[in-house]
Protein backbone atom coordinates (compact mmCIF):
# COMPACT_ATOMS: atom_id res chain seq x y z
CA UNK A 1 -79.70 -35.39 109.03
CA UNK A 2 -76.62 -33.38 109.81
CA UNK A 3 -73.27 -34.75 110.49
CA UNK A 4 -73.29 -35.22 114.36
CA UNK A 5 -69.72 -33.87 114.96
CA UNK A 6 -70.03 -30.63 113.36
CA UNK A 7 -73.49 -29.10 113.93
CA UNK A 8 -73.51 -25.36 115.04
CA UNK A 9 -76.73 -23.70 116.26
CA UNK A 10 -77.52 -20.11 117.24
CA UNK A 11 -80.52 -19.60 119.66
CA UNK A 12 -81.81 -15.91 120.34
CA UNK A 13 -83.57 -15.07 123.59
CA UNK A 14 -81.53 -17.60 125.25
CA UNK A 15 -81.43 -15.89 128.81
CA UNK A 16 -84.72 -17.45 129.91
CA UNK A 17 -87.70 -19.70 129.17
CA UNK A 18 -87.77 -21.41 125.88
CA UNK A 19 -84.62 -20.13 124.73
CA UNK A 20 -82.64 -21.22 127.80
CA UNK A 21 -84.29 -24.56 127.68
CA UNK A 22 -83.51 -24.82 123.85
CA UNK A 23 -79.72 -24.24 124.38
CA UNK A 24 -79.62 -27.01 127.12
CA UNK A 25 -81.53 -29.44 124.66
CA UNK A 26 -79.42 -28.83 121.69
CA UNK A 27 -76.17 -29.09 123.92
CA UNK A 28 -77.56 -32.60 125.04
CA UNK A 29 -77.94 -33.36 121.37
CA UNK A 30 -74.31 -32.73 120.42
CA UNK A 31 -74.52 -29.25 119.01
CA UNK A 32 -72.07 -26.37 119.47
CA UNK A 33 -74.49 -23.84 120.79
CA UNK A 34 -74.17 -20.09 120.65
CA UNK A 35 -76.64 -18.67 123.18
CA UNK A 36 -77.64 -15.05 122.15
CA UNK A 37 -79.50 -12.48 124.36
CA UNK A 38 -79.07 -8.85 125.65
CA UNK A 39 -78.84 -9.91 129.28
CA UNK A 40 -75.50 -11.77 129.08
CA UNK A 41 -74.98 -11.84 132.79
CA UNK A 42 -78.17 -14.15 133.06
CA UNK A 43 -76.66 -16.92 130.94
CA UNK A 44 -73.68 -17.59 133.08
CA UNK A 45 -75.03 -21.01 133.97
CA UNK A 46 -75.36 -21.76 130.20
CA UNK A 47 -71.72 -21.14 129.77
CA UNK A 48 -71.02 -23.50 132.53
CA UNK A 49 -73.10 -26.19 130.71
CA UNK A 50 -70.91 -25.64 127.52
CA UNK A 51 -72.83 -22.87 125.76
CA UNK A 52 -70.90 -20.11 123.89
CA UNK A 53 -72.49 -17.04 125.40
CA UNK A 54 -72.81 -13.79 123.16
CA UNK A 55 -74.58 -10.59 123.55
CA UNK A 56 -77.19 -10.37 120.90
CA UNK A 57 -79.82 -7.51 120.42
CA UNK A 58 -82.39 -8.41 117.58
CA UNK A 59 -83.26 -4.81 117.34
CA UNK A 60 -79.58 -3.75 116.54
CA UNK A 61 -78.44 -4.68 113.03
CA UNK A 62 -74.63 -4.23 114.10
CA UNK A 63 -75.21 -6.67 117.08
CA UNK A 64 -76.83 -9.22 114.92
CA UNK A 65 -74.13 -8.81 112.12
CA UNK A 66 -71.33 -9.02 114.60
CA UNK A 67 -72.74 -12.24 116.22
CA UNK A 68 -73.14 -14.07 112.84
CA UNK A 69 -69.79 -12.96 111.53
CA UNK A 70 -68.21 -14.19 114.97
CA UNK A 71 -69.82 -17.41 114.76
CA UNK A 72 -68.71 -17.85 111.21
CA UNK A 73 -65.13 -16.91 112.11
CA UNK A 74 -65.05 -19.38 114.92
CA UNK A 75 -66.84 -22.40 113.34
CA UNK A 76 -66.93 -21.78 109.64
CA UNK A 77 -70.57 -22.78 109.40
CA UNK A 78 -74.18 -22.25 111.05
CA UNK A 79 -76.49 -25.27 110.71
CA UNK A 80 -79.30 -24.21 112.85
CA UNK A 81 -80.88 -20.70 113.66
CA UNK A 82 -83.53 -20.84 116.47
CA UNK A 83 -85.41 -17.56 116.07
CA UNK A 84 -86.80 -17.35 119.78
CA UNK A 85 -86.38 -13.81 120.90
CA UNK A 86 -89.79 -12.16 121.45
CA UNK A 87 -92.05 -10.67 123.81
CA UNK A 88 -95.72 -10.11 124.14
CA UNK A 89 -97.06 -6.45 124.35
CA UNK A 90 -100.66 -6.36 125.50
CA UNK A 91 -103.39 -3.40 125.74
CA UNK A 92 -106.13 -2.29 123.67
CA UNK A 93 -105.28 -1.11 120.23
CA UNK A 94 -106.77 2.44 121.12
CA UNK A 95 -104.28 2.60 124.07
CA UNK A 96 -100.95 1.13 122.98
CA UNK A 97 -98.74 3.81 121.69
CA UNK A 98 -97.77 3.27 118.17
CA UNK A 99 -93.89 3.31 119.15
CA UNK A 100 -94.59 0.40 121.34
CA UNK A 101 -96.39 -1.37 118.48
CA UNK A 102 -93.43 -0.66 116.29
CA UNK A 103 -91.18 -2.07 118.84
CA UNK A 104 -93.22 -5.14 119.00
CA UNK A 105 -92.67 -5.81 115.33
CA UNK A 106 -89.00 -4.87 115.50
CA UNK A 107 -88.40 -7.53 118.07
CA UNK A 108 -90.88 -10.26 117.11
CA UNK A 109 -90.72 -10.10 113.09
CA UNK A 110 -87.98 -7.68 111.76
CA UNK A 111 -85.20 -9.09 114.11
CA UNK A 112 -86.18 -12.62 113.03
CA UNK A 113 -86.10 -11.67 109.51
CA UNK A 114 -82.76 -9.95 109.64
CA UNK A 115 -81.03 -12.91 111.29
CA UNK A 116 -82.51 -15.16 108.74
CA UNK A 117 -81.07 -12.90 105.95
CA UNK A 118 -77.67 -12.95 107.72
CA UNK A 119 -77.41 -16.83 107.95
CA UNK A 120 -78.94 -17.84 104.71
CA UNK A 121 -75.92 -17.19 102.40
CA UNK A 122 -73.85 -19.65 104.44
CA UNK A 123 -76.79 -22.21 104.59
CA UNK A 124 -77.08 -21.99 100.86
CA UNK A 125 -73.42 -22.58 100.43
CA UNK A 126 -73.59 -25.66 102.81
CA UNK A 127 -76.66 -26.85 100.89
CA UNK A 128 -78.29 -27.74 104.25
CA UNK A 129 -79.48 -25.81 107.26
CA UNK A 130 -82.55 -25.51 109.44
CA UNK A 131 -84.31 -22.31 110.43
CA UNK A 132 -86.67 -22.66 113.44
CA UNK A 133 -89.16 -19.81 114.05
CA UNK A 134 -90.94 -19.71 117.21
CA UNK A 135 -94.38 -18.59 116.39
CA UNK A 136 -97.32 -19.45 118.85
CA UNK A 137 -100.85 -20.51 118.56
CA UNK A 138 -101.41 -16.78 118.93
CA UNK A 139 -100.59 -16.82 115.12
CA UNK A 140 -103.76 -18.80 114.48
CA UNK A 141 -106.13 -17.48 117.28
CA UNK A 142 -106.84 -14.19 118.92
CA UNK A 143 -107.76 -12.53 122.08
CA UNK A 144 -108.94 -9.13 123.31
CA UNK A 145 -106.00 -6.67 123.98
CA UNK A 146 -103.57 -8.77 122.36
CA UNK A 147 -103.82 -7.43 118.81
CA UNK A 148 -100.35 -6.11 118.36
CA UNK A 149 -98.94 -9.47 119.64
CA UNK A 150 -101.06 -11.47 117.47
CA UNK A 151 -100.24 -9.43 114.52
CA UNK A 152 -96.50 -10.21 114.96
CA UNK A 153 -97.14 -13.85 115.20
CA UNK A 154 -99.46 -13.93 112.19
CA UNK A 155 -96.70 -12.25 110.32
CA UNK A 156 -94.18 -14.80 111.52
CA UNK A 157 -96.42 -17.58 110.04
CA UNK A 158 -96.81 -15.81 106.77
CA UNK A 159 -93.00 -15.04 106.47
CA UNK A 160 -92.26 -18.57 107.39
CA UNK A 161 -94.49 -20.12 104.73
CA UNK A 162 -93.30 -18.05 102.12
CA UNK A 163 -89.55 -18.58 103.15
CA UNK A 164 -89.91 -22.27 103.25
CA UNK A 165 -90.78 -22.57 99.57
CA UNK A 166 -88.00 -20.09 98.72
CA UNK A 167 -85.14 -21.93 100.35
CA UNK A 168 -86.30 -25.48 100.04
CA UNK A 169 -84.55 -25.74 96.63
CA UNK A 170 -81.15 -24.80 98.38
CA UNK A 171 -81.40 -27.62 100.97
CA UNK A 172 -82.64 -25.23 103.73
CA UNK A 173 -85.71 -26.19 105.99
CA UNK A 174 -87.92 -23.84 107.75
CA UNK A 175 -89.87 -25.09 110.74
CA UNK A 176 -92.47 -23.50 112.80
CA UNK A 177 -92.94 -24.08 116.43
CA UNK A 178 -96.28 -23.14 117.86
CA UNK A 179 -96.21 -23.16 121.76
CA UNK A 180 -99.66 -22.81 123.71
CA UNK A 181 -99.50 -22.06 127.46
CA UNK A 182 -95.94 -22.65 128.67
CA UNK A 183 -94.73 -21.74 132.32
CA UNK A 184 -92.28 -19.01 131.59
CA UNK A 185 -91.67 -15.40 132.96
CA UNK A 186 -93.02 -14.18 129.56
CA UNK A 187 -96.43 -14.90 130.70
CA UNK A 188 -96.39 -12.67 133.92
CA UNK A 189 -94.78 -9.72 131.89
CA UNK A 190 -97.28 -10.03 129.12
CA UNK A 191 -100.32 -10.11 131.48
CA UNK A 192 -98.96 -7.08 133.47
CA UNK A 193 -98.48 -5.04 130.31
CA UNK A 194 -102.33 -5.25 129.70
CA UNK A 195 -103.07 -3.74 133.16
CA UNK A 196 -100.40 -1.06 132.63
CA UNK A 197 -101.57 0.04 129.24
CA UNK A 198 -105.32 -0.34 129.57
CA UNK A 199 -106.04 -0.96 133.29
CA UNK A 200 -107.27 2.56 133.89
CA UNK A 201 -108.92 3.42 130.38
CA UNK A 202 -112.28 2.48 128.80
CA UNK A 203 -110.90 -1.00 128.39
CA UNK A 204 -110.04 -1.58 132.07
CA UNK A 205 -112.57 -4.20 132.80
CA UNK A 206 -111.43 -6.18 129.85
CA UNK A 207 -107.84 -5.75 131.01
CA UNK A 208 -108.70 -7.30 134.39
CA UNK A 209 -110.75 -10.09 132.54
CA UNK A 210 -107.64 -10.87 130.49
CA UNK A 211 -105.44 -10.93 133.49
CA UNK A 212 -107.95 -13.48 135.28
CA UNK A 213 -108.19 -15.62 132.22
CA UNK A 214 -104.27 -15.78 131.47
CA UNK A 215 -103.51 -16.32 134.95
CA UNK A 216 -105.86 -19.20 135.20
CA UNK A 217 -104.37 -20.91 132.18
CA UNK A 218 -100.77 -20.35 133.55
CA UNK A 219 -101.06 -22.88 136.37
CA UNK A 220 -98.65 -25.55 137.67
CA UNK A 221 -100.60 -28.00 135.16
CA UNK A 222 -99.12 -25.85 132.16
CA UNK A 223 -95.87 -27.67 131.03
CA UNK A 224 -92.41 -25.94 131.32
CA UNK A 225 -90.46 -24.68 128.30
CA UNK A 226 -88.57 -28.06 128.06
CA UNK A 227 -91.65 -29.50 126.12
CA UNK A 228 -91.01 -26.84 123.52
CA UNK A 229 -87.26 -27.42 123.55
CA UNK A 230 -87.76 -31.12 122.93
CA UNK A 231 -90.09 -30.32 119.92
CA UNK A 232 -87.20 -28.05 118.51
CA UNK A 233 -84.67 -30.92 119.03
CA UNK A 234 -86.75 -33.51 117.34
CA UNK A 235 -87.16 -31.08 114.38
CA UNK A 236 -83.55 -30.30 113.91
CA UNK A 237 -82.47 -33.84 114.18
CA UNK A 238 -85.20 -35.05 111.78
CA UNK A 239 -84.22 -36.07 108.30
CA UNK A 240 -87.62 -34.63 107.23
CA UNK A 241 -89.11 -32.58 109.90
CA UNK A 242 -92.75 -31.60 110.04
CA UNK A 243 -93.65 -27.94 108.84
CA UNK A 244 -95.26 -27.11 112.07
CA UNK A 245 -94.94 -28.46 115.70
CA UNK A 246 -97.81 -27.34 117.88
CA UNK A 247 -97.13 -28.16 121.75
CA UNK A 248 -98.45 -29.12 124.22
CA UNK A 249 -101.42 -31.29 123.31
CA UNK A 250 -103.82 -28.69 124.71
CA UNK A 251 -102.61 -26.33 122.12
CA UNK A 252 -103.23 -28.54 119.32
CA UNK A 253 -106.99 -28.83 120.43
CA UNK A 254 -107.20 -25.13 120.36
CA UNK A 255 -105.80 -24.67 117.02
CA UNK A 256 -108.01 -27.52 115.68
CA UNK A 257 -110.92 -25.67 117.18
CA UNK A 258 -109.99 -22.52 115.31
CA UNK A 259 -109.73 -24.35 112.04
CA UNK A 260 -113.14 -25.95 112.56
CA UNK A 261 -115.33 -23.18 114.06
CA UNK A 262 -116.83 -20.28 111.84
CA UNK A 263 -115.40 -16.94 112.94
CA UNK A 264 -118.61 -15.79 114.71
CA UNK A 265 -118.65 -19.04 116.79
CA UNK A 266 -115.15 -18.67 117.56
CA UNK A 267 -115.68 -15.05 118.48
CA UNK A 268 -118.48 -16.34 120.93
CA UNK A 269 -116.00 -18.73 122.46
CA UNK A 270 -113.49 -15.89 123.05
CA UNK A 271 -116.07 -13.84 124.63
CA UNK A 272 -116.86 -16.72 126.93
CA UNK A 273 -113.09 -17.40 128.05
CA UNK A 274 -112.37 -13.48 128.30
CA UNK A 275 -115.81 -12.32 129.49
CA UNK A 276 -115.82 -9.47 131.85
CA UNK A 277 -117.35 -10.50 135.18
CA UNK A 278 -118.61 -8.41 138.08
CA UNK A 279 -115.50 -8.92 139.99
CA UNK A 280 -113.53 -7.66 136.79
CA UNK A 281 -115.75 -4.46 136.81
CA UNK A 282 -115.12 -3.94 140.45
CA UNK A 283 -111.27 -4.39 140.12
CA UNK A 284 -111.46 -1.87 137.19
CA UNK A 285 -113.35 0.58 139.26
CA UNK A 286 -110.88 0.16 142.15
CA UNK A 287 -107.87 0.83 139.97
CA UNK A 288 -109.40 3.93 138.51
CA UNK A 289 -110.17 5.16 142.03
CA UNK A 290 -106.67 4.40 143.11
CA UNK A 291 -105.40 6.32 140.20
CA UNK A 292 -107.47 9.30 140.79
CA UNK A 293 -106.28 9.37 144.55
CA UNK A 294 -102.76 9.38 143.36
CA UNK A 295 -103.04 12.41 141.22
CA UNK A 296 -104.68 14.53 143.89
């Protein structure tokens, strides 16, 4: 466990959702917290709660380097990095522009990896530190029209596993957090992207089916981001944290089912959950008809 009076944390993607909740949780646990995001104006309330707000773009190497250098100049140490910044880009593989696919990897995996490179020299010298990578149960399962997003989360899992055994001899811990359905604005943005990209293509009915299924999962019964932040807090405070934290409980059941079921059986379950209904086909036809009217 770290000394309670000197711990410094950097949280990316801190302007909303899981990142915002994590900043508040780590402040509560006594950290000096640097909250990083592109939308600095959305973090004023975090500054009022004691966070050090910084502009941070995980697709910009100069921005990342400046952020880490600034923290080290101010504090002389970094004890925790929470790689939370990320987004979900949905749409059929055939429809998603390859530049958008690249951007998904730039944000969700290469930004994470670059920030990790930047903090590791300090953590190695300290002989302690914790890197928390926000993955997803999407790094273990799959769904139609989510190929690029899931590919990035599978990559986060693989990178984290190798990184863990690389840095453990230097006193650095690597922890994976696997959220399931959590109520944040991320969900609405991701769902809408499927309709924007594939809502008028050969995959339109599947896009509407995906929208319906994900909307049903994103109900008021789904927990808010604080459940993820609390898991992160437990991990960074633990003398020996678990390798993976899957939250909430429903997410654990889904991951267990993926481990238990053969691929074909799990495929069938995915088809049942995301199956195209008559209503989905009608919605797709109406979208296509509307698009044709707009072009005339």
